[in-house]
C-alpha atoms as a PDB file:
ATOM      1  CA  MET A   1      54.713  39.492   1.199  1.00  0.00           C
ATOM      2  CA  SER A   2      55.754  43.121   1.208  1.00  0.00           C
ATOM      3  CA  LYS A   3      53.109  45.805   0.824  1.00  0.00           C
ATOM      4  CA  ILE A   4      54.407  46.488  -2.694  1.00  0.00           C
ATOM      5  CA  ASP A   5      53.913  42.839  -3.664  1.00  0.00           C
ATOM      6  CA  GLU A   6      50.462  42.820  -2.070  1.00  0.00           C
ATOM      7  CA  ALA A   7      49.511  45.954  -4.011  1.00  0.00           C
ATOM      8  CA  LYS A   8      50.721  44.320  -7.243  1.00  0.00           C
ATOM      9  CA  SER A   9      48.541  41.287  -6.554  1.00  0.00           C
ATOM     10  CA  ILE A  10      45.540  43.560  -5.924  1.00  0.00           C
ATOM     11  CA  ILE A  11      46.129  45.426  -9.201  1.00  0.00           C
ATOM     12  CA  ALA A  12      46.268  42.084 -11.032  1.00  0.00           C
ATOM     13  CA  ALA A  13      43.105  40.852  -9.273  1.00  0.00           C
ATOM     14  CA  LEU A  14      41.307  44.023 -10.384  1.00  0.00           C
ATOM     15  CA  GLY A  15      41.983  43.106 -13.991  1.00  0.00           C
ATOM     16  CA  PHE A  16      44.524  45.766 -14.893  1.00  0.00           C
ATOM     17  CA  PRO A  17      46.878  44.685 -17.709  1.00  0.00           C
ATOM     18  CA  ARG A  18      50.446  43.595 -17.085  1.00  0.00           C
ATOM     19  CA  ALA A  19      51.712  47.101 -17.961  1.00  0.00           C
ATOM     20  CA  GLN A  20      50.188  48.332 -14.682  1.00  0.00           C
ATOM     21  CA  GLN A  21      51.278  45.354 -12.568  1.00  0.00           C
ATOM     22  CA  ASN A  22      54.567  46.949 -11.551  1.00  0.00           C
ATOM     23  CA  GLU A  23      56.275  48.761  -8.700  1.00  0.00           C
ATOM     24  CA  ARG A  24      55.272  52.225  -9.927  1.00  0.00           C
ATOM     25  CA  SER A  25      51.584  51.334  -9.955  1.00  0.00           C
ATOM     26  CA  ALA A  26      51.820  49.448  -6.660  1.00  0.00           C
ATOM     27  CA  LEU A  27      53.404  52.447  -4.950  1.00  0.00           C
ATOM     28  CA  SER A  28      50.808  54.753  -6.491  1.00  0.00           C
ATOM     29  CA  LEU A  29      48.033  52.615  -5.017  1.00  0.00           C
ATOM     30  CA  LEU A  30      49.746  52.548  -1.611  1.00  0.00           C
ATOM     31  CA  ALA A  31      50.142  56.330  -1.761  1.00  0.00           C
ATOM     32  CA  LEU A  32      46.458  56.837  -2.581  1.00  0.00           C
ATOM     33  CA  VAL A  33      45.514  54.993   0.613  1.00  0.00           C
ATOM     34  CA  GLN A  34      48.594  56.162   2.592  1.00  0.00           C
ATOM     35  CA  LEU A  35      49.600  52.639   3.571  1.00  0.00           C
ATOM     36  CA  GLN A  36      53.144  52.201   4.913  1.00  0.00           C
ATOM     37  CA  GLU A  37      55.049  48.905   5.040  1.00  0.00           C
ATOM     38  CA  GLY A  38      54.152  48.305   8.677  1.00  0.00           C
ATOM     39  CA  GLY A  39      50.530  49.374   8.311  1.00  0.00           C
ATOM     40  CA  SER A  40      47.297  47.424   7.941  1.00  0.00           C
ATOM     41  CA  TRP A  41      44.917  47.220   4.996  1.00  0.00           C
ATOM     42  CA  ARG A  42      42.148  47.786   7.500  1.00  0.00           C
ATOM     43  CA  ASP A  43      43.477  51.276   8.316  1.00  0.00           C
ATOM     44  CA  LEU A  44      43.374  53.206   5.027  1.00  0.00           C
ATOM     45  CA  LYS A  45      43.021  56.894   4.219  1.00  0.00           C
ATOM     46  CA  GLU A  46      41.747  58.736   1.146  1.00  0.00           C
ATOM     47  CA  PRO A  47      43.635  62.046   0.725  1.00  0.00           C
ATOM     48  CA  LEU A  48      43.681  64.220  -2.373  1.00  0.00           C
ATOM     49  CA  LEU A  49      47.151  63.751  -3.901  1.00  0.00           C
ATOM     50  CA  GLY A  50      48.976  65.316  -6.821  1.00  0.00           C
ATOM     51  CA  VAL A  51      51.750  63.469  -8.640  1.00  0.00           C
ATOM     52  CA  ARG A  52      54.355  65.407  -6.635  1.00  0.00           C
ATOM     53  CA  ALA A  53      52.852  64.131  -3.367  1.00  0.00           C
ATOM     54  CA  ILE A  54      52.827  60.564  -4.707  1.00  0.00           C
ATOM     55  CA  LEU A  55      56.521  60.809  -5.595  1.00  0.00           C
ATOM     56  CA  ASP A  56      57.229  62.174  -2.110  1.00  0.00           C
ATOM     57  CA  PHE A  57      55.395  59.189  -0.610  1.00  0.00           C
ATOM     58  CA  CYS A  58      57.500  56.782  -2.677  1.00  0.00           C
ATOM     59  CA  ARG A  59      60.710  58.444  -1.504  1.00  0.00           C
ATOM     60  CA  ASN A  60      59.837  59.083   2.129  1.00  0.00           C
ATOM     61  CA  ASP A  61      57.780  56.008   3.027  1.00  0.00           C
ATOM     62  CA  TYR A  62      59.304  53.326   0.793  1.00  0.00           C
ATOM     63  CA  LYS A  63      62.775  54.721   0.090  1.00  0.00           C
ATOM     64  CA  LYS A  64      62.070  54.689  -3.639  1.00  0.00           C
ATOM     65  CA  PRO A  65      63.401  58.019  -4.980  1.00  0.00           C
ATOM     66  CA  TYR A  66      61.909  58.318  -8.457  1.00  0.00           C
ATOM     67  CA  ALA A  67      63.461  60.974 -10.689  1.00  0.00           C
ATOM     68  CA  GLU A  68      61.550  64.166 -11.400  1.00  0.00           C
ATOM     69  CA  ASN A  69      61.204  63.245 -15.063  1.00  0.00           C
ATOM     70  CA  SER A  70      59.205  60.151 -14.080  1.00  0.00           C
ATOM     71  CA  ARG A  71      56.149  62.282 -13.273  1.00  0.00           C
ATOM     72  CA  GLU A  72      54.703  61.753 -16.754  1.00  0.00           C
ATOM     73  CA  SER A  73      55.097  57.978 -16.400  1.00  0.00           C
ATOM     74  CA  PHE A  74      53.125  58.056 -13.148  1.00  0.00           C
ATOM     75  CA  ARG A  75      50.482  60.269 -14.731  1.00  0.00           C
ATOM     76  CA  LYS A  76      50.108  58.638 -18.146  1.00  0.00           C
ATOM     77  CA  GLU A  77      51.013  54.998 -17.459  1.00  0.00           C
ATOM     78  CA  THR A  78      49.449  54.462 -14.041  1.00  0.00           C
ATOM     79  CA  LEU A  79      47.095  57.155 -12.747  1.00  0.00           C
ATOM     80  CA  HIS A  80      45.285  57.622 -16.056  1.00  0.00           C
ATOM     81  CA  GLN A  81      44.583  53.868 -16.113  1.00  0.00           C
ATOM     82  CA  PHE A  82      43.484  53.914 -12.462  1.00  0.00           C
ATOM     83  CA  VAL A  83      40.947  56.629 -13.300  1.00  0.00           C
ATOM     84  CA  SER A  84      39.737  54.898 -16.468  1.00  0.00           C
ATOM     85  CA  GLY A  85      39.393  51.617 -14.586  1.00  0.00           C
ATOM     86  CA  GLY A  86      37.352  53.153 -11.787  1.00  0.00           C
ATOM     87  CA  LEU A  87      40.013  52.646  -9.118  1.00  0.00           C
ATOM     88  CA  ALA A  88      40.687  56.365  -8.584  1.00  0.00           C
ATOM     89  CA  LEU A  89      39.021  59.703  -9.136  1.00  0.00           C
ATOM     90  CA  GLN A  90      40.654  62.820 -10.553  1.00  0.00           C
ATOM     91  CA  ASN A  91      39.803  66.217  -9.055  1.00  0.00           C
ATOM     92  CA  PRO A  92      36.749  65.059  -7.088  1.00  0.00           C
ATOM     93  CA  ASP A  93      36.861  68.385  -5.243  1.00  0.00           C
ATOM     94  CA  GLU A  94      36.736  70.408  -8.491  1.00  0.00           C
ATOM     95  CA  PRO A  95      35.938  68.293 -11.590  1.00  0.00           C
ATOM     96  CA  GLY A  96      36.285  71.295 -13.914  1.00  0.00           C
ATOM     97  CA  ARG A  97      39.923  71.923 -12.984  1.00  0.00           C
ATOM     98  CA  PRO A  98      42.109  72.502 -16.106  1.00  0.00           C
ATOM     99  CA  PRO A  99      44.805  69.866 -16.802  1.00  0.00           C
ATOM    100  CA  ASN A 100      47.660  72.363 -16.374  1.00  0.00           C
ATOM    101  CA  SER A 101      46.507  73.371 -12.886  1.00  0.00           C
ATOM    102  CA  PRO A 102      49.084  72.792 -10.120  1.00  0.00           C
ATOM    103  CA  LYS A 103      46.143  71.628  -7.968  1.00  0.00           C
ATOM    104  CA  TRP A 104      45.347  68.645 -10.220  1.00  0.00           C
ATOM    105  CA  CYS A 105      44.840  65.668  -7.906  1.00  0.00           C
ATOM    106  CA  TYR A 106      43.716  62.077  -7.498  1.00  0.00           C
ATOM    107  CA  GLN A 107      41.791  60.190  -4.812  1.00  0.00           C
ATOM    108  CA  ILE A 108      41.004  56.529  -4.237  1.00  0.00           C
ATOM    109  CA  LEU A 109      37.436  55.640  -5.208  1.00  0.00           C
ATOM    110  CA  PRO A 110      35.394  55.201  -1.980  1.00  0.00           C
ATOM    111  CA  GLN A 111      34.128  51.780  -3.120  1.00  0.00           C
ATOM    112  CA  ALA A 112      37.704  50.739  -3.937  1.00  0.00           C
ATOM    113  CA  LYS A 113      38.899  51.777  -0.491  1.00  0.00           C
ATOM    114  CA  ALA A 114      36.138  49.679   1.105  1.00  0.00           C
ATOM    115  CA  LEU A 115      37.223  46.707  -1.006  1.00  0.00           C
ATOM    116  CA  LEU A 116      40.925  47.082  -0.171  1.00  0.00           C
ATOM    117  CA  GLN A 117      40.112  47.087   3.535  1.00  0.00           C
ATOM    118  CA  LYS A 118      38.962  43.471   3.105  1.00  0.00           C
ATOM    119  CA  PHE A 119      42.226  42.337   1.470  1.00  0.00           C
ATOM    120  CA  GLY A 120      43.707  39.372   3.327  1.00  0.00           C
ATOM    121  CA  THR A 121      40.452  38.575   5.115  1.00  0.00           C
ATOM    122  CA  PRO A 122      37.934  35.760   4.474  1.00  0.00           C
ATOM    123  CA  GLN A 123      35.604  38.375   2.955  1.00  0.00           C
ATOM    124  CA  TRP A 124      38.071  39.389   0.204  1.00  0.00           C
ATOM    125  CA  GLU A 125      37.027  37.014  -2.585  1.00  0.00           C
ATOM    126  CA  LYS A 126      33.292  37.734  -2.315  1.00  0.00           C
ATOM    127  CA  ALA A 127      33.892  41.473  -1.934  1.00  0.00           C
ATOM    128  CA  LEU A 128      36.144  41.413  -5.007  1.00  0.00           C
ATOM    129  CA  GLU A 129      33.496  39.554  -6.997  1.00  0.00           C
ATOM    130  CA  ARG A 130      30.828  42.117  -6.089  1.00  0.00           C
ATOM    131  CA  TYR A 131      33.153  45.010  -6.837  1.00  0.00           C
ATOM    132  CA  MET A 132      34.127  43.644 -10.252  1.00  0.00           C
ATOM    133  CA  ALA A 133      30.450  43.170 -11.109  1.00  0.00           C
ATOM    134  CA  GLU A 134      29.706  46.852 -10.562  1.00  0.00           C
ATOM    135  CA  ILE A 135      32.990  48.536 -11.477  1.00  0.00           C
ATOM    136  CA  GLY A 136      32.027  48.936 -15.135  1.00  0.00           C
ATOM    137  CA  SER A 137      28.966  50.978 -14.228  1.00  0.00           C
ATOM    138  CA  LEU A 138      30.993  52.952 -11.668  1.00  0.00           C
ATOM    139  CA  ALA A 139      33.680  53.853 -14.207  1.00  0.00           C
ATOM    140  CA  GLU A 140      31.036  54.847 -16.739  1.00  0.00           C
ATOM    141  CA  ARG A 141      29.253  57.033 -14.198  1.00  0.00           C
ATOM    142  CA  TYR A 142      32.396  58.931 -13.287  1.00  0.00           C
ATOM    143  CA  ARG A 143      33.401  59.217 -16.959  1.00  0.00           C
ATOM    144  CA  LYS A 144      30.064  60.889 -17.716  1.00  0.00           C
ATOM    145  CA  GLU A 145      30.585  63.283 -14.797  1.00  0.00           C
ATOM    146  CA  ARG A 146      34.032  64.229 -16.187  1.00  0.00           C
ATOM    147  CA  ASP A 147      32.612  64.708 -19.682  1.00  0.00           C
ATOM    148  CA  LEU A 148      30.091  67.231 -18.381  1.00  0.00           C
ATOM    149  CA  ASN A 149      32.998  69.608 -17.730  1.00  0.00           C
ATOM    150  CA  LEU A 150      34.515  69.409 -21.216  1.00  0.00           C
ATOM    151  CA  VAL A 151      34.433  72.586 -23.328  1.00  0.00           C
ATOM    152  CA  PRO A 152      32.578  72.025 -26.642  1.00  0.00           C
ATOM    153  CA  CYS A 153      33.696  73.942 -29.717  1.00  0.00           C
ATOM    154  CA  HIS A 154      31.867  74.273 -33.053  1.00  0.00           C
ATOM    155  CA  LEU A 155      33.918  74.380 -36.249  1.00  0.00           C
ATOM    156  CA  PRO A 156      33.033  76.542 -39.275  1.00  0.00           C
ATOM    157  CA  ASP A 157      32.196  73.391 -41.284  1.00  0.00           C
ATOM    158  CA  GLY A 158      29.628  72.307 -38.695  1.00  0.00           C
ATOM    159  CA  GLY A 159      31.848  69.807 -36.904  1.00  0.00           C
ATOM    160  CA  ILE A 160      32.216  69.800 -33.135  1.00  0.00           C
ATOM    161  CA  PHE A 161      34.980  68.730 -30.768  1.00  0.00           C
ATOM    162  CA  GLU A 162      35.582  68.893 -27.018  1.00  0.00           C
ATOM    163  CA  MET A 163      38.533  70.236 -25.041  1.00  0.00           C
ATOM    164  CA  SER A 164      39.737  69.942 -21.467  1.00  0.00           C
ATOM    165  CA  PRO A 165      38.061  72.200 -18.874  1.00  0.00           C
ATOM    166  CA  GLY A 166      39.471  75.649 -18.106  1.00  0.00           C
ATOM    167  CA  GLY A 167      39.760  79.243 -19.249  1.00  0.00           C
ATOM    168  CA  HIS A 168      42.460  78.366 -21.796  1.00  0.00           C
ATOM    169  CA  SER A 169      40.081  76.062 -23.659  1.00  0.00           C
ATOM    170  CA  GLU A 170      37.256  78.577 -23.409  1.00  0.00           C
ATOM    171  CA  LEU A 171      39.447  81.191 -25.101  1.00  0.00           C
ATOM    172  CA  ILE A 172      40.398  78.754 -27.870  1.00  0.00           C
ATOM    173  CA  ARG A 173      36.691  78.062 -28.380  1.00  0.00           C
ATOM    174  CA  ASP A 174      36.088  81.811 -28.776  1.00  0.00           C
ATOM    175  CA  ILE A 175      38.978  82.018 -31.260  1.00  0.00           C
ATOM    176  CA  VAL A 176      37.400  79.329 -33.435  1.00  0.00           C
ATOM    177  CA  GLU A 177      33.771  80.378 -33.031  1.00  0.00           C
ATOM    178  CA  GLN A 178      34.086  84.187 -32.929  1.00  0.00           C
ATOM    179  CA  PHE A 179      37.507  85.399 -34.079  1.00  0.00           C
ATOM    180  CA  ALA A 180      37.785  83.172 -37.161  1.00  0.00           C
ATOM    181  CA  PRO A 181      34.405  84.040 -38.761  1.00  0.00           C
ATOM    182  CA  ARG A 182      34.980  87.761 -38.141  1.00  0.00           C
ATOM    183  CA  PHE A 183      38.629  88.230 -39.098  1.00  0.00           C
ATOM    184  CA  ALA A 184      39.272  85.206 -41.336  1.00  0.00           C
ATOM    185  CA  PRO A 185      35.898  84.361 -42.928  1.00  0.00           C
ATOM    186  CA  GLY A 186      36.061  81.131 -44.867  1.00  0.00           C
ATOM    187  CA  ALA A 187      39.284  79.994 -43.205  1.00  0.00           C
ATOM    188  CA  THR A 188      39.912  76.317 -42.538  1.00  0.00           C
ATOM    189  CA  VAL A 189      40.905  75.224 -39.035  1.00  0.00           C
ATOM    190  CA  LEU A 190      44.057  73.140 -39.527  1.00  0.00           C
ATOM    191  CA  TYR A 191      45.173  72.770 -35.935  1.00  0.00           C
ATOM    192  CA  VAL A 192      43.809  73.329 -32.434  1.00  0.00           C
ATOM    193  CA  GLY A 193      45.850  72.543 -29.333  1.00  0.00           C
ATOM    194  CA  ASP A 194      44.571  71.601 -25.909  1.00  0.00           C
ATOM    195  CA  THR A 195      46.285  71.453 -22.511  1.00  0.00           C
ATOM    196  CA  GLY A 196      45.006  67.895 -22.089  1.00  0.00           C
ATOM    197  CA  ASN A 197      45.549  66.832 -25.698  1.00  0.00           C
ATOM    198  CA  LYS A 198      48.270  68.661 -27.610  1.00  0.00           C
ATOM    199  CA  GLY A 199      46.607  68.218 -30.990  1.00  0.00           C
ATOM    200  CA  VAL A 200      42.870  67.810 -30.569  1.00  0.00           C
ATOM    201  CA  ILE A 201      42.539  68.844 -34.241  1.00  0.00           C
ATOM    202  CA  HIS A 202      45.463  68.415 -36.578  1.00  0.00           C
ATOM    203  CA  ASP A 203      45.230  68.019 -40.339  1.00  0.00           C
ATOM    204  CA  ASP A 204      48.737  66.588 -40.707  1.00  0.00           C
ATOM    205  CA  ARG A 205      48.417  65.897 -44.406  1.00  0.00           C
ATOM    206  CA  PHE A 206      47.343  69.431 -45.276  1.00  0.00           C
ATOM    207  CA  LEU A 207      49.935  70.955 -42.941  1.00  0.00           C
ATOM    208  CA  ALA A 208      52.656  68.910 -44.647  1.00  0.00           C
ATOM    209  CA  LYS A 209      51.364  70.056 -48.032  1.00  0.00           C
ATOM    210  CA  LEU A 210      51.891  73.649 -46.848  1.00  0.00           C
ATOM    211  CA  GLY A 211      55.452  72.835 -45.742  1.00  0.00           C
ATOM    212  CA  ILE A 212      54.707  72.646 -42.001  1.00  0.00           C
ATOM    213  CA  ASP A 213      56.228  69.951 -39.784  1.00  0.00           C
ATOM    214  CA  ALA A 214      53.185  68.609 -37.955  1.00  0.00           C
ATOM    215  CA  HIS A 215      55.386  66.577 -35.589  1.00  0.00           C
ATOM    216  CA  GLU A 216      56.572  69.667 -33.705  1.00  0.00           C
ATOM    217  CA  ARG A 217      53.447  69.585 -31.518  1.00  0.00           C
ATOM    218  CA  GLY A 218      55.109  71.014 -28.446  1.00  0.00           C
ATOM    219  CA  LYS A 219      56.065  74.172 -30.344  1.00  0.00           C
ATOM    220  CA  MET A 220      52.803  74.705 -32.204  1.00  0.00           C
ATOM    221  CA  PRO A 221      50.633  77.781 -31.574  1.00  0.00           C
ATOM    222  CA  ASP A 222      47.253  77.125 -29.998  1.00  0.00           C
ATOM    223  CA  ALA A 223      45.380  77.453 -33.290  1.00  0.00           C
ATOM    224  CA  ILE A 224      46.277  77.521 -36.987  1.00  0.00           C
ATOM    225  CA  LEU A 225      43.834  78.816 -39.599  1.00  0.00           C
ATOM    226  CA  TYR A 226      44.361  78.768 -43.355  1.00  0.00           C
ATOM    227  CA  LEU A 227      42.694  81.306 -45.646  1.00  0.00           C
ATOM    228  CA  GLU A 228      42.985  79.789 -49.111  1.00  0.00           C
ATOM    229  CA  ASP A 229      41.924  82.774 -51.260  1.00  0.00           C
ATOM    230  CA  LYS A 230      44.759  84.886 -49.807  1.00  0.00           C
ATOM    231  CA  ASN A 231      47.106  81.958 -49.096  1.00  0.00           C
ATOM    232  CA  TRP A 232      47.492  83.159 -45.509  1.00  0.00           C
ATOM    233  CA  LEU A 233      48.204  81.232 -42.323  1.00  0.00           C
ATOM    234  CA  PHE A 234      46.907  82.648 -39.046  1.00  0.00           C
ATOM    235  CA  LEU A 235      49.060  81.558 -36.090  1.00  0.00           C
ATOM    236  CA  ILE A 236      47.077  82.277 -32.938  1.00  0.00           C
ATOM    237  CA  GLU A 237      48.125  81.973 -29.307  1.00  0.00           C
ATOM    238  CA  SER A 238      45.490  81.699 -26.588  1.00  0.00           C
ATOM    239  CA  VAL A 239      47.067  84.005 -23.996  1.00  0.00           C
ATOM    240  CA  THR A 240      45.308  83.644 -20.652  1.00  0.00           C
ATOM    241  CA  SER A 241      48.003  84.200 -18.048  1.00  0.00           C
ATOM    242  CA  VAL A 242      51.584  84.664 -19.294  1.00  0.00           C
ATOM    243  CA  GLY A 243      51.212  87.786 -21.425  1.00  0.00           C
ATOM    244  CA  PRO A 244      51.485  88.420 -25.187  1.00  0.00           C
ATOM    245  CA  VAL A 245      53.876  86.689 -27.578  1.00  0.00           C
ATOM    246  CA  ASP A 246      57.394  87.909 -26.809  1.00  0.00           C
ATOM    247  CA  GLY A 247      60.429  88.134 -29.086  1.00  0.00           C
ATOM    248  CA  LYS A 248      61.614  84.637 -28.204  1.00  0.00           C
ATOM    249  CA  ARG A 249      58.264  83.064 -29.048  1.00  0.00           C
ATOM    250  CA  HIS A 250      57.986  85.129 -32.245  1.00  0.00           C
ATOM    251  CA  ALA A 251      61.408  83.886 -33.350  1.00  0.00           C
ATOM    252  CA  GLU A 252      60.410  80.300 -32.549  1.00  0.00           C
ATOM    253  CA  LEU A 253      57.261  80.574 -34.659  1.00  0.00           C
ATOM    254  CA  THR A 254      59.234  82.207 -37.473  1.00  0.00           C
ATOM    255  CA  GLN A 255      61.671  79.307 -37.480  1.00  0.00           C
ATOM    256  CA  LEU A 256      58.904  76.716 -37.313  1.00  0.00           C
ATOM    257  CA  PHE A 257      56.828  78.230 -40.135  1.00  0.00           C
ATOM    258  CA  GLY A 258      59.530  80.039 -42.122  1.00  0.00           C
ATOM    259  CA  LYS A 259      59.615  77.383 -44.847  1.00  0.00           C
ATOM    260  CA  SER A 260      55.854  77.110 -45.267  1.00  0.00           C
ATOM    261  CA  SER A 261      54.405  78.120 -48.608  1.00  0.00           C
ATOM    262  CA  PRO A 262      51.713  80.570 -47.350  1.00  0.00           C
ATOM    263  CA  SER A 263      52.524  83.897 -45.736  1.00  0.00           C
ATOM    264  CA  THR A 264      51.708  84.080 -42.022  1.00  0.00           C
ATOM    265  CA  ARG A 265      49.628  86.406 -39.881  1.00  0.00           C
ATOM    266  CA  ASN A 266      50.646  86.214 -36.195  1.00  0.00           C
ATOM    267  CA  HIS A 267      48.106  87.122 -33.478  1.00  0.00           C
END
């Protein structure tokens, strides 16, 4: 068997669904342990790798040149599942790293590496059985560690939600918790974006009632408030690094919200 086929069989043995039992996931696993076609499962490494480095490994070590636009498929359809399933860690060197950081990375779980080193040996079946017995608790432990770095935000109505780590989310939290009560008292929070979840809060029905296309998530401002007594919309950008709203962005927001029934207040 080729190393890609062996990696596929490992992914299947670990209980991942058929959607992850493919070449992309197999190559991702091989990249995480830096195993070339002529290498041995006994000689594995555990580097910190971003998606770009994984694509480079596919191209350079296995002659599989994935297109640049496949990065999201690697991230959302393989690596996310590896992390959720306890096979890999994300940002073990800095768990609070924001999702849009260029340093975002993945690493094979130490216990998973130890298991993979037994693949093809008489110890494999028993090692796999032990690993599968404890992997649920391992995944839960690392999930709790990731959750500790989430940014909590309290809504005016008493609700609470959590956003991805980072200064961007912290500024959005301040917008909701401090700006809104001071400059738009009584306003309803209709939408809040997040670098790790484009619409962590989105009242699609109410937005549609106001004439706003809630499906244009990629173009939305970071927060939308609605002040009913004045029939005002507040469109708020959380500017942490790229400067204030420029003419191009202002025109984009005008086009996106130009047909809405309330008047808008841009910030």
